[in-house]
Protein backbone atom coordinates (compact mmCIF):
# COMPACT_ATOMS: atom_id res chain seq x y z
CA MET A 1 -27.93 8.47 -0.85
CA LYS A 2 -26.62 12.06 -0.07
CA THR A 3 -24.76 10.69 2.80
CA ILE A 4 -22.91 9.28 0.38
CA ILE A 5 -22.17 11.63 -2.11
CA VAL A 6 -20.61 13.75 0.74
CA ILE A 7 -17.95 10.92 1.23
CA ILE A 8 -17.40 10.75 -1.70
CA LEU A 9 -16.79 14.20 -2.19
CA ALA A 10 -14.98 14.50 0.91
CA CYS A 11 -12.48 11.87 -0.24
CA CYS A 12 -11.05 13.62 -2.89
CA ALA A 13 -10.01 16.10 -0.89
CA PHE A 14 -9.33 14.37 2.55
CA GLY A 15 -9.07 10.63 1.97
CA LEU A 16 -11.84 8.13 3.23
CA ASN A 17 -13.07 8.73 6.54
CA GLN A 18 -11.09 7.24 9.41
CA ARG A 19 -13.43 4.74 10.06
CA VAL A 20 -12.65 3.03 6.93
CA PHE A 21 -9.33 1.79 8.49
CA GLY A 22 -10.65 1.80 12.46
CA GLN A 23 -12.78 -0.99 12.09
CA ASN A 24 -12.48 -4.88 11.52
CA VAL A 25 -16.30 -5.89 9.54
CA ASP A 26 -17.26 -9.60 9.57
CA ILE A 27 -19.60 -9.89 6.13
CA ASN A 28 -21.66 -12.25 8.00
CA THR A 29 -22.33 -9.72 10.36
CA ILE A 30 -23.73 -7.20 7.99
CA ASP A 31 -27.69 -6.53 6.39
CA THR A 32 -26.37 -3.95 3.58
CA LEU A 33 -23.46 -3.55 1.56
CA SER A 34 -21.70 -0.28 0.47
CA LEU A 35 -19.11 0.77 -1.17
CA GLU A 36 -17.17 2.06 2.38
CA GLU A 37 -18.41 -1.31 3.69
CA VAL A 38 -16.23 -3.10 1.19
CA LEU A 39 -13.72 -1.14 1.47
CA ALA A 40 -13.39 -1.35 5.52
CA ILE A 41 -13.39 -5.33 4.48
CA VAL A 42 -10.92 -5.37 2.36
CA ASN A 43 -8.50 -2.91 5.17
CA ALA A 44 -9.33 -5.28 8.03
CA ASN A 45 -9.13 -8.56 6.07
CA HIS A 46 -7.41 -9.07 2.98
CA PRO A 47 -4.42 -10.99 3.35
CA LYS A 48 -2.59 -8.86 0.65
CA LEU A 49 -2.66 -5.81 2.82
CA MET A 50 -2.05 -8.16 5.67
CA GLU A 51 0.92 -9.49 4.42
CA ILE A 52 2.61 -5.85 3.39
CA LYS A 53 1.41 -4.72 7.03
CA LEU A 54 4.05 -6.85 8.07
CA GLY A 55 6.62 -4.67 6.32
CA ARG A 56 6.17 -2.29 9.78
CA ASN A 57 7.69 -5.02 12.26
CA ARG A 58 10.07 -6.58 9.52
CA ALA A 59 11.26 -2.13 9.70
CA GLU A 60 11.53 -2.53 12.87
CA ALA A 61 13.23 -5.90 13.51
CA GLN A 62 16.07 -3.87 10.77
CA ILE A 63 16.15 -0.98 12.86
CA MET A 64 16.79 -2.82 15.58
CA ARG A 65 19.47 -4.85 14.02
CA ALA A 66 21.00 -1.86 13.13
CA TRP A 67 21.54 -0.43 16.36
CA SER A 68 23.17 -4.02 17.27
CA GLY A 69 26.71 -2.31 16.24
CA LEU A 70 26.19 -0.37 18.77
CA ASP A 71 25.89 -3.26 21.40
CA PRO A 72 28.72 -3.79 24.44
CA GLN A 73 31.53 -6.44 23.12
CA PHE A 74 32.82 -8.38 25.79
CA SER A 75 35.61 -11.37 25.23
CA ALA A 76 37.32 -13.45 27.55
CA GLU A 77 40.45 -15.63 27.24
CA ILE A 78 42.33 -18.42 29.88
CA GLY A 79 44.80 -20.66 29.36
CA GLY A 80 47.50 -22.42 30.97
CA LYS A 81 50.73 -24.27 30.22
CA ASN A 82 52.08 -27.36 31.94
CA GLU A 83 55.07 -29.37 30.99
CA LYS A 84 56.00 -32.89 31.88
CA GLU A 85 53.64 -32.39 34.82
CA ALA A 86 54.83 -29.75 36.27
CA TYR A 87 53.55 -25.68 36.09
CA LYS A 88 54.87 -23.07 34.00
CA SER A 89 52.58 -20.91 32.84
CA GLN A 90 48.27 -19.51 33.09
CA THR A 91 47.37 -16.59 31.02
CA SER A 92 43.44 -15.39 31.65
CA SER A 93 42.29 -11.90 30.18
CA ALA A 94 38.89 -9.92 29.50
CA THR A 95 37.97 -6.48 27.61
CA MET A 96 34.70 -5.26 27.33
CA GLU A 97 34.54 -2.65 24.59
CA ILE A 98 31.38 0.17 24.34
CA PRO A 99 30.94 2.15 21.08
CA ILE A 100 29.09 5.39 21.26
CA TYR A 101 26.80 6.58 18.44
CA TRP A 102 29.67 9.69 17.43
CA GLY A 103 32.53 7.11 16.90
CA PRO A 104 34.52 6.19 19.93
CA LYS A 105 34.87 3.65 21.95
CA VAL A 106 34.87 3.30 25.79
CA ILE A 107 37.32 0.61 26.46
CA ALA A 108 38.00 -1.45 29.79
CA GLY A 109 40.24 -4.73 30.38
CA TRP A 110 41.68 -6.98 33.02
CA ARG A 111 45.00 -9.40 32.74
CA ARG A 112 46.28 -11.77 34.58
CA ASN A 113 49.74 -13.10 33.66
CA LEU A 114 51.69 -15.65 36.17
CA GLY A 115 54.54 -18.41 35.97
CA LEU A 116 55.86 -16.70 32.41
CA PHE A 117 59.51 -16.84 31.99
CA ASP A 118 59.34 -13.02 31.22
CA GLU A 119 58.70 -11.39 34.43
CA ASP A 120 57.54 -8.23 32.65
CA LEU A 121 54.70 -9.78 31.40
CA ASN A 122 53.70 -11.06 35.16
CA THR A 123 51.29 -9.66 37.23
CA GLN A 124 49.84 -9.83 40.88
CA ILE A 125 47.58 -12.50 41.44
CA SER A 126 45.06 -10.12 41.38
CA GLY A 127 45.52 -9.48 37.76
CA GLU A 128 46.12 -5.73 36.24
CA MET A 129 43.00 -3.88 35.28
CA SER A 130 42.39 -0.99 32.46
CA PHE A 131 40.00 1.75 31.59
CA GLY A 132 40.18 3.85 28.19
CA ILE A 133 38.81 5.70 25.20
CA MET A 134 39.01 5.40 21.70
CA LEU A 135 38.98 7.96 19.84
CA PRO A 136 38.94 8.70 16.09
CA LEU A 137 41.22 11.48 14.68
CA TRP A 138 40.06 11.28 10.91
CA ARG A 139 37.96 8.23 9.29
CA ASN A 140 34.50 7.74 11.16
CA ILE A 141 33.99 10.98 13.17
CA LEU A 142 31.41 12.43 10.62
CA ILE A 143 29.97 8.74 9.89
CA ASP A 144 31.20 5.41 10.49
CA LYS A 145 29.56 2.34 9.30
CA ASN A 146 27.40 1.51 12.67
CA ARG A 147 25.62 5.83 12.26
CA ALA A 148 25.40 4.96 8.36
CA SER A 149 23.65 1.81 8.91
CA ILE A 150 21.22 3.12 11.63
CA GLN A 151 20.61 5.99 9.43
CA LYS A 152 19.61 4.02 6.84
CA ALA A 153 17.45 1.23 8.83
CA GLU A 154 15.54 4.17 9.84
CA GLN A 155 14.35 5.28 6.40
CA ASN A 156 12.91 1.44 6.76
CA PRO A 157 9.84 2.60 8.45
CA THR A 158 8.94 5.54 5.74
CA ILE A 159 9.51 2.97 3.15
CA ALA A 160 6.94 0.26 4.54
CA GLU A 161 3.93 2.69 5.37
CA ALA A 162 4.49 3.87 1.67
CA GLU A 163 3.73 0.20 0.49
CA ILE A 164 1.16 -0.26 2.72
CA LEU A 165 -0.45 2.68 1.02
CA GLU A 166 0.40 1.32 -2.38
CA ILE A 167 -1.26 -2.02 -1.99
CA ARG A 168 -4.21 -0.41 -0.54
CA ASN A 169 -4.69 2.30 -3.15
CA GLU A 170 -4.43 -0.63 -5.67
CA LEU A 171 -6.81 -3.25 -3.99
CA PHE A 172 -9.58 0.06 -3.52
CA LEU A 173 -9.34 0.75 -7.00
CA LYS A 174 -10.27 -2.77 -7.77
CA ALA A 175 -12.34 -3.35 -5.16
CA SER A 176 -14.27 -0.14 -6.20
CA GLU A 177 -14.65 -1.33 -9.74
CA LYS A 178 -15.26 -4.86 -8.57
CA TYR A 179 -18.64 -2.94 -6.19
CA TRP A 180 -19.39 -0.75 -9.06
CA ASP A 181 -19.89 -3.75 -11.72
CA TRP A 182 -21.71 -5.57 -9.16
CA SER A 183 -23.98 -2.48 -8.51
CA GLY A 184 -24.95 -1.57 -12.25
CA SER A 185 -25.41 -5.33 -13.16
CA LEU A 186 -28.44 -5.68 -10.42
CA ALA A 187 -29.82 -2.23 -11.79
CA LYS A 188 -29.87 -4.02 -15.57
CA LEU A 189 -31.31 -7.08 -13.49
CA ARG A 190 -33.80 -5.22 -12.23
CA ILE A 191 -34.87 -3.47 -15.65
CA ALA A 192 -34.79 -7.06 -17.08
CA GLN A 193 -37.29 -8.27 -14.56
CA GLU A 194 -39.48 -5.55 -14.81
CA LEU A 195 -39.16 -5.31 -18.49
CA LEU A 196 -40.31 -9.34 -18.38
CA ALA A 197 -43.28 -8.77 -16.33
CA ILE A 198 -44.89 -6.01 -18.30
CA ALA A 199 -44.34 -8.41 -21.54
CA GLU A 200 -46.34 -11.25 -19.14
CA PHE A 201 -48.94 -9.09 -18.08
CA ARG A 202 -49.60 -8.05 -21.45
CA LEU A 203 -49.74 -11.01 -22.88
CA ARG A 204 -52.54 -12.31 -20.31
CA GLY A 205 -54.74 -9.66 -21.37
CA ILE A 206 -54.30 -10.20 -25.24
CA THR A 207 -55.07 -13.76 -25.01
CA GLU A 208 -58.21 -12.97 -22.56
CA GLU A 209 -58.55 -10.32 -25.64
CA LEU A 210 -58.24 -13.62 -27.92
CA ASN A 211 -60.27 -15.82 -26.66
CA SER A 212 -62.81 -13.50 -26.40
CA GLY A 213 -62.46 -13.26 -29.93
CA GLU A 214 -61.01 -9.05 -29.99
CA ARG A 215 -58.12 -9.98 -30.71
CA ALA A 216 -56.14 -11.37 -34.05
CA ARG A 217 -53.75 -14.36 -33.35
CA ILE A 218 -50.85 -13.07 -34.82
CA ASP A 219 -50.33 -10.44 -30.97
CA SER A 220 -50.06 -13.48 -28.83
CA ILE A 221 -47.40 -15.06 -31.19
CA GLU A 222 -46.37 -11.55 -31.17
CA MET A 223 -45.98 -11.08 -27.81
CA SER A 224 -45.24 -15.03 -27.27
CA GLN A 225 -41.76 -14.38 -29.41
CA GLU A 226 -41.22 -11.00 -27.20
CA ILE A 227 -41.45 -12.74 -23.99
CA GLN A 228 -38.99 -15.34 -24.98
CA ARG A 229 -36.45 -12.37 -26.32
CA ARG A 230 -36.58 -10.78 -22.28
CA ARG A 231 -36.58 -14.03 -21.12
CA GLY A 232 -33.09 -14.81 -22.87
CA ALA A 233 -32.36 -11.61 -21.68
CA PHE A 234 -32.99 -11.46 -18.12
CA PHE A 235 -31.11 -14.86 -18.32
CA LYS A 236 -27.76 -12.85 -19.18
CA ALA A 237 -28.61 -10.03 -16.85
CA ARG A 238 -28.65 -12.58 -13.96
CA ARG A 239 -25.80 -14.56 -15.26
CA GLU A 240 -23.46 -11.21 -15.28
CA TYR A 241 -25.61 -9.89 -12.05
CA GLU A 242 -24.08 -13.30 -10.18
CA LYS A 243 -20.45 -12.94 -12.47
CA ALA A 244 -20.12 -9.34 -10.84
CA GLY A 245 -20.84 -10.58 -7.35
CA ILE A 246 -18.17 -13.57 -7.68
CA ALA A 247 -15.62 -10.89 -8.64
CA LEU A 248 -16.53 -8.81 -5.78
CA SER A 249 -16.40 -11.90 -3.60
CA VAL A 250 -12.46 -12.23 -4.36
CA PHE A 251 -12.04 -9.38 -2.30
CA LEU A 252 -14.19 -10.08 0.58
CA TRP A 253 -12.37 -12.24 3.49
CA ASN A 254 -13.87 -12.74 7.18
CA ASN A 255 -11.57 -11.40 10.23
CA ASP A 256 -10.61 -15.62 11.17
CA GLY A 257 -8.80 -15.36 7.61
CA THR A 258 -11.72 -17.16 5.78
CA PRO A 259 -12.63 -16.38 2.45
CA ALA A 260 -16.13 -14.60 2.45
CA ALA A 261 -19.25 -14.95 -0.01
CA ILE A 262 -21.63 -12.06 -0.12
CA PRO A 263 -24.64 -13.53 1.38
CA GLN A 264 -28.63 -13.55 -0.83
CA GLY A 265 -30.52 -10.69 -0.32
CA ILE A 266 -27.84 -7.94 0.22
CA ALA A 267 -27.93 -5.23 -2.52
CA PRO A 268 -25.31 -2.88 -3.20
CA PHE A 269 -26.32 0.58 -2.76
CA ASN A 270 -26.77 2.64 -6.08
CA PRO A 271 -26.25 6.37 -6.07
CA MET A 272 -28.13 8.26 -9.07
CA GLU A 273 -26.58 11.04 -8.50
CA VAL A 274 -23.75 12.85 -10.23
CA PHE A 275 -22.02 15.96 -10.16
CA PRO A 276 -18.84 17.83 -11.94
CA LEU A 277 -15.20 18.30 -10.73
CA ASP A 278 -14.63 21.45 -9.23
CA THR A 279 -11.19 23.08 -11.19
CA ALA A 280 -10.00 24.54 -7.54
CA THR A 281 -10.60 20.43 -6.01
CA TYR A 282 -8.87 19.42 -8.79
CA ARG A 283 -5.54 22.14 -8.84
CA ARG A 284 -5.15 21.41 -4.88
CA ASP A 285 -5.49 17.47 -5.11
CA LYS A 286 -2.80 17.72 -7.91
CA GLU A 287 -0.25 19.38 -5.87
CA LEU A 288 -1.34 16.99 -2.84
CA ALA A 289 -0.56 13.64 -5.42
CA LEU A 290 2.80 14.92 -5.97
CA GLN A 291 3.42 14.84 -2.15
CA LYS A 292 0.81 12.09 -0.87
CA ARG A 293 1.86 9.32 -3.88
CA PRO A 294 3.61 6.52 -2.42
CA GLU A 295 5.96 5.80 -5.03
CA LEU A 296 7.54 9.37 -4.53
CA ILE A 297 7.69 8.57 -0.76
CA ILE A 298 9.23 5.78 -1.12
CA ASN A 299 12.04 7.46 -3.85
CA SER A 300 12.45 10.00 -1.17
CA ALA A 301 13.20 7.37 1.22
CA GLU A 302 15.38 5.57 -0.92
CA GLN A 303 17.26 8.48 -2.08
CA ASN A 304 17.88 9.46 1.83
CA GLN A 305 19.27 5.89 2.00
CA ALA A 306 21.86 6.59 -1.20
CA GLU A 307 22.75 9.63 0.38
CA VAL A 308 23.92 7.83 3.64
CA ASP A 309 25.88 5.78 1.44
CA THR A 310 27.70 8.04 -0.61
CA ARG A 311 28.51 10.02 2.55
CA PHE A 312 29.89 6.85 4.38
CA ALA A 313 31.79 5.69 0.96
CA ARG A 314 33.46 8.78 0.74
CA GLU A 315 34.49 8.65 4.73
CA LEU A 316 35.98 5.26 3.62
CA GLN A 317 38.72 7.18 1.59
CA LYS A 318 40.10 8.96 5.05
CA PRO A 319 42.70 6.91 6.54
CA ASP A 320 41.92 4.93 10.19
CA ILE A 321 43.71 6.97 12.53
CA SER A 322 42.55 6.67 16.08
CA LEU A 323 43.93 7.84 19.21
CA LYS A 324 43.50 5.01 22.32
CA ILE A 325 43.76 6.70 25.56
CA LEU A 326 43.99 4.72 28.87
CA PRO A 327 44.09 7.36 31.59
CA TYR A 328 43.70 4.51 34.31
CA SER A 329 45.71 1.11 34.23
CA THR A 330 47.75 -0.66 36.89
CA VAL A 331 50.75 -2.36 36.13
CA GLN A 332 53.36 -4.42 37.96
CA THR A 333 56.66 -3.12 39.36
CA ILE A 334 59.19 -3.97 41.72
CA ASP A 335 57.48 -2.55 44.56
CA GLY A 336 54.18 -4.15 43.22
CA SER A 337 51.05 -2.92 41.36
CA ILE A 338 50.34 1.03 40.74
CA PRO A 339 48.11 3.10 38.93
CA ASP A 340 49.50 4.13 35.24
CA TYR A 341 47.80 5.90 32.19
CA LYS A 342 48.93 4.83 28.31
CA VAL A 343 48.21 6.34 25.36
CA GLY A 344 48.48 5.37 21.74
CA ILE A 345 48.00 6.12 18.27
CA GLN A 346 46.54 3.27 15.90
CA ALA A 347 46.18 3.49 11.53
CA ASP A 348 44.89 1.51 8.89
CA LEU A 349 45.81 3.09 5.33
CA PRO A 350 45.21 1.71 2.09
CA LEU A 351 47.46 2.82 -0.26
CA LEU A 352 44.86 3.05 -3.18
CA PHE A 353 41.66 3.35 -1.98
CA ARG A 354 40.45 1.27 -5.12
CA ASP A 355 37.34 -0.34 -2.63
CA ALA A 356 36.38 3.06 -1.44
CA ARG A 357 36.57 5.25 -4.28
CA GLY A 358 34.28 2.37 -6.37
CA GLN A 359 31.93 2.19 -3.68
CA THR A 360 31.33 6.20 -3.64
CA ALA A 361 31.01 6.13 -7.48
CA LEU A 362 28.50 3.57 -6.94
CA ALA A 363 26.46 5.27 -4.79
CA GLU A 364 26.59 8.26 -6.64
CA ILE A 365 24.92 6.41 -9.44
CA LYS A 366 22.68 5.20 -7.52
CA GLN A 367 21.68 8.72 -6.45
CA GLN A 368 21.40 10.07 -9.69
CA SER A 369 19.47 7.36 -11.08
CA LEU A 370 17.32 7.61 -8.20
CA SER A 371 16.81 11.84 -8.64
CA PHE A 372 15.68 10.32 -12.87
CA LYS A 373 13.34 7.81 -11.63
CA ARG A 374 11.76 10.92 -9.50
CA ASN A 375 11.41 13.06 -12.89
CA SER A 376 9.88 10.50 -14.35
CA LEU A 377 7.68 9.22 -11.54
CA GLN A 378 6.50 12.75 -11.08
CA ARG A 379 5.60 13.31 -14.94
CA GLU A 380 3.78 9.63 -14.87
CA ILE A 381 1.61 11.36 -11.72
CA SER A 382 1.18 14.14 -12.98
CA ALA A 383 -0.27 12.56 -16.50
CA SER A 384 -2.42 9.96 -14.38
CA VAL A 385 -4.03 13.17 -11.98
CA ASP A 386 -4.81 14.82 -15.86
CA ASP A 387 -6.47 11.36 -16.98
CA ALA A 388 -8.59 10.68 -13.87
CA ALA A 389 -9.68 14.47 -13.96
CA SER A 390 -10.04 14.00 -17.72
CA GLU A 391 -11.89 10.64 -17.32
CA LEU A 392 -14.42 12.25 -14.60
CA ILE A 393 -15.01 15.15 -16.65
CA ALA A 394 -15.93 12.82 -19.64
CA THR A 395 -18.36 10.10 -17.47
CA TYR A 396 -20.00 13.26 -16.07
CA GLU A 397 -20.65 14.48 -19.62
CA GLN A 398 -21.79 11.44 -20.50
CA SER A 399 -24.34 10.58 -17.88
CA LEU A 400 -26.29 13.78 -18.62
CA ALA A 401 -26.49 12.76 -21.94
CA ALA A 402 -27.51 9.53 -21.19
CA ARG A 403 -29.92 10.87 -18.95
CA ASP A 404 -31.61 13.22 -21.46
CA GLU A 405 -31.47 10.15 -24.04
CA LEU A 406 -33.23 8.16 -21.78
CA SER A 407 -35.98 10.90 -20.69
CA ALA A 408 -36.68 11.28 -24.47
CA ALA A 409 -36.62 7.48 -25.25
CA ARG A 410 -39.75 6.94 -21.70
CA GLN A 411 -41.63 10.22 -23.60
CA MET A 412 -41.35 8.48 -26.78
CA GLU A 413 -42.61 4.69 -25.35
CA ARG A 414 -45.55 6.86 -23.01
CA ALA A 415 -46.76 8.09 -26.19
CA GLU A 416 -46.54 5.03 -28.28
CA ARG A 417 -48.26 3.23 -25.52
CA GLU A 418 -51.24 6.15 -26.00
CA LEU A 419 -51.16 5.83 -29.48
CA TYR A 420 -51.17 1.60 -29.42
CA ASP A 421 -54.27 2.00 -26.97
CA ARG A 422 -56.78 4.26 -29.23
CA GLY A 423 -55.49 1.65 -31.85
CA GLU A 424 -53.27 3.97 -33.93
CA ALA A 425 -49.86 2.02 -33.34
CA THR A 426 -49.19 -1.69 -33.25
CA LEU A 427 -47.87 -4.15 -30.77
CA PHE A 428 -44.75 -4.40 -32.45
CA THR A 429 -43.89 -0.38 -32.30
CA VAL A 430 -44.98 -0.98 -28.54
CA ASN A 431 -42.15 -3.43 -28.24
CA PHE A 432 -40.15 -1.56 -30.33
CA ARG A 433 -40.05 1.16 -28.04
CA GLU A 434 -40.15 -0.96 -24.94
CA ARG A 435 -37.05 -2.22 -26.23
CA PHE A 436 -35.21 1.00 -27.03
CA THR A 437 -36.26 2.44 -23.55
CA VAL A 438 -34.63 -0.88 -22.31
CA GLU A 439 -30.95 0.08 -24.21
CA SER A 440 -30.94 3.39 -23.30
CA ALA A 441 -31.80 2.62 -19.57
CA SER A 442 -28.67 0.54 -19.49
CA ARG A 443 -26.63 3.15 -21.25
CA GLU A 444 -27.57 5.78 -18.34
CA ILE A 445 -26.69 2.85 -15.98
CA ASP A 446 -23.34 1.93 -17.97
CA ALA A 447 -22.75 5.84 -17.56
CA ARG A 448 -23.06 6.47 -14.00
CA MET A 449 -21.13 3.29 -13.12
CA ASN A 450 -18.22 4.61 -15.33
CA PHE A 451 -18.70 8.28 -13.37
CA ARG A 452 -18.55 6.32 -10.08
CA LYS A 453 -15.14 4.22 -11.47
CA ALA A 454 -13.46 7.53 -12.15
CA ILE A 455 -14.22 8.80 -8.81
CA ALA A 456 -12.31 5.66 -7.72
CA TYR A 457 -9.56 6.35 -10.28
CA TYR A 458 -9.47 9.58 -9.50
CA LEU A 459 -9.16 8.72 -5.67
CA TRP A 460 -6.18 6.46 -6.44
CA SER A 461 -4.07 8.62 -8.33
CA ILE A 462 -4.43 11.51 -6.11
CA ALA A 463 -3.77 8.79 -3.39
CA GLY A 464 -6.95 9.72 -1.48
CA TYR A 465 -7.69 6.44 0.36
């Protein structure tokens, strides 16, 4: 028991042991079932978590697709013209463009023109080659479409990991709650079974005394009635235990993707200890929650993407002017083909820039929206940590109160039984005291289980899983 308490305390500050996330557990291969093992099974096999983990592959594919904007582009063309079965002309060309991350493009080309009427366009049979570079002079210097796509895609792995953490936190919280329902229902079932066994044992003694004439018949009727009442309570407790087990099994899957059920004979670990929340730990966890919660991580990544959109939209408001330099180009002359160079300027200037200004406005609005959303998320997360801490403190105090109540109820039960043994109390009062003890024990179990659920809620609030 102490081992599990240490694990839970460590979770409050550092998250669950890495073993929970590393092993692949099959429900059919274990003999006992602790909360740690349940969470390991959920993390390893739950389909919802397996589905969201595909986001990692999706993010990698999106990055690959974004980098494809820098793939070399090759184009080629060949054609010819015949007229009245007579050869007139033949044209061939090939071009290779290699975009560079920072904006320039490396250009290589080859062309061959034969048989044209315009001799200036004709080339030698071997054709003409050219090699050069295109440099942006105004737009696309700070950022361009390719860089924007890449920088936005590079945020996707962060978003994918945060989404996995978000789903894991939700599943672990729900699985923990179902586990403690199952654990508490088993404890109540054992109490109901024990109480029924006591009543049946007592009835056998009363029957023997009745047969020997030492008991009144009304005592056996009273005890028989009490047994039926306790049997009803036992059947109800058994149903609650079965119901809780079925609810928990929804989170359990085999490593081959098939649903798993809790095998017969496997019982939950039911720790008895409760402990107060340390103030220093709470303050530290609250600060970490504002950094670790997946909602904030996703928001930060989305803000980074929106900032890239804003920079790119502002870049589009600049004239698109590029310098094209071909330092090596073979040209056709009277004496043959000689090396030469070419220089040119290419310009694209929309007159109103309405599309660019509209994109800039939309990007800035998205940035503002994400900033407002972040403020709201921070407030909600802070409140959830406060609420979880408050519940943890309250359930701890309730557990202590329920423990003291149960202790007093057991003392009263023992005292009443001693009076009954001396003939100073009735069977009715003994049964009443036992029923009251059971009610107190049930409240104590509920208090301890609520305390464990409060721990799960606290871990969720600080992203401690």
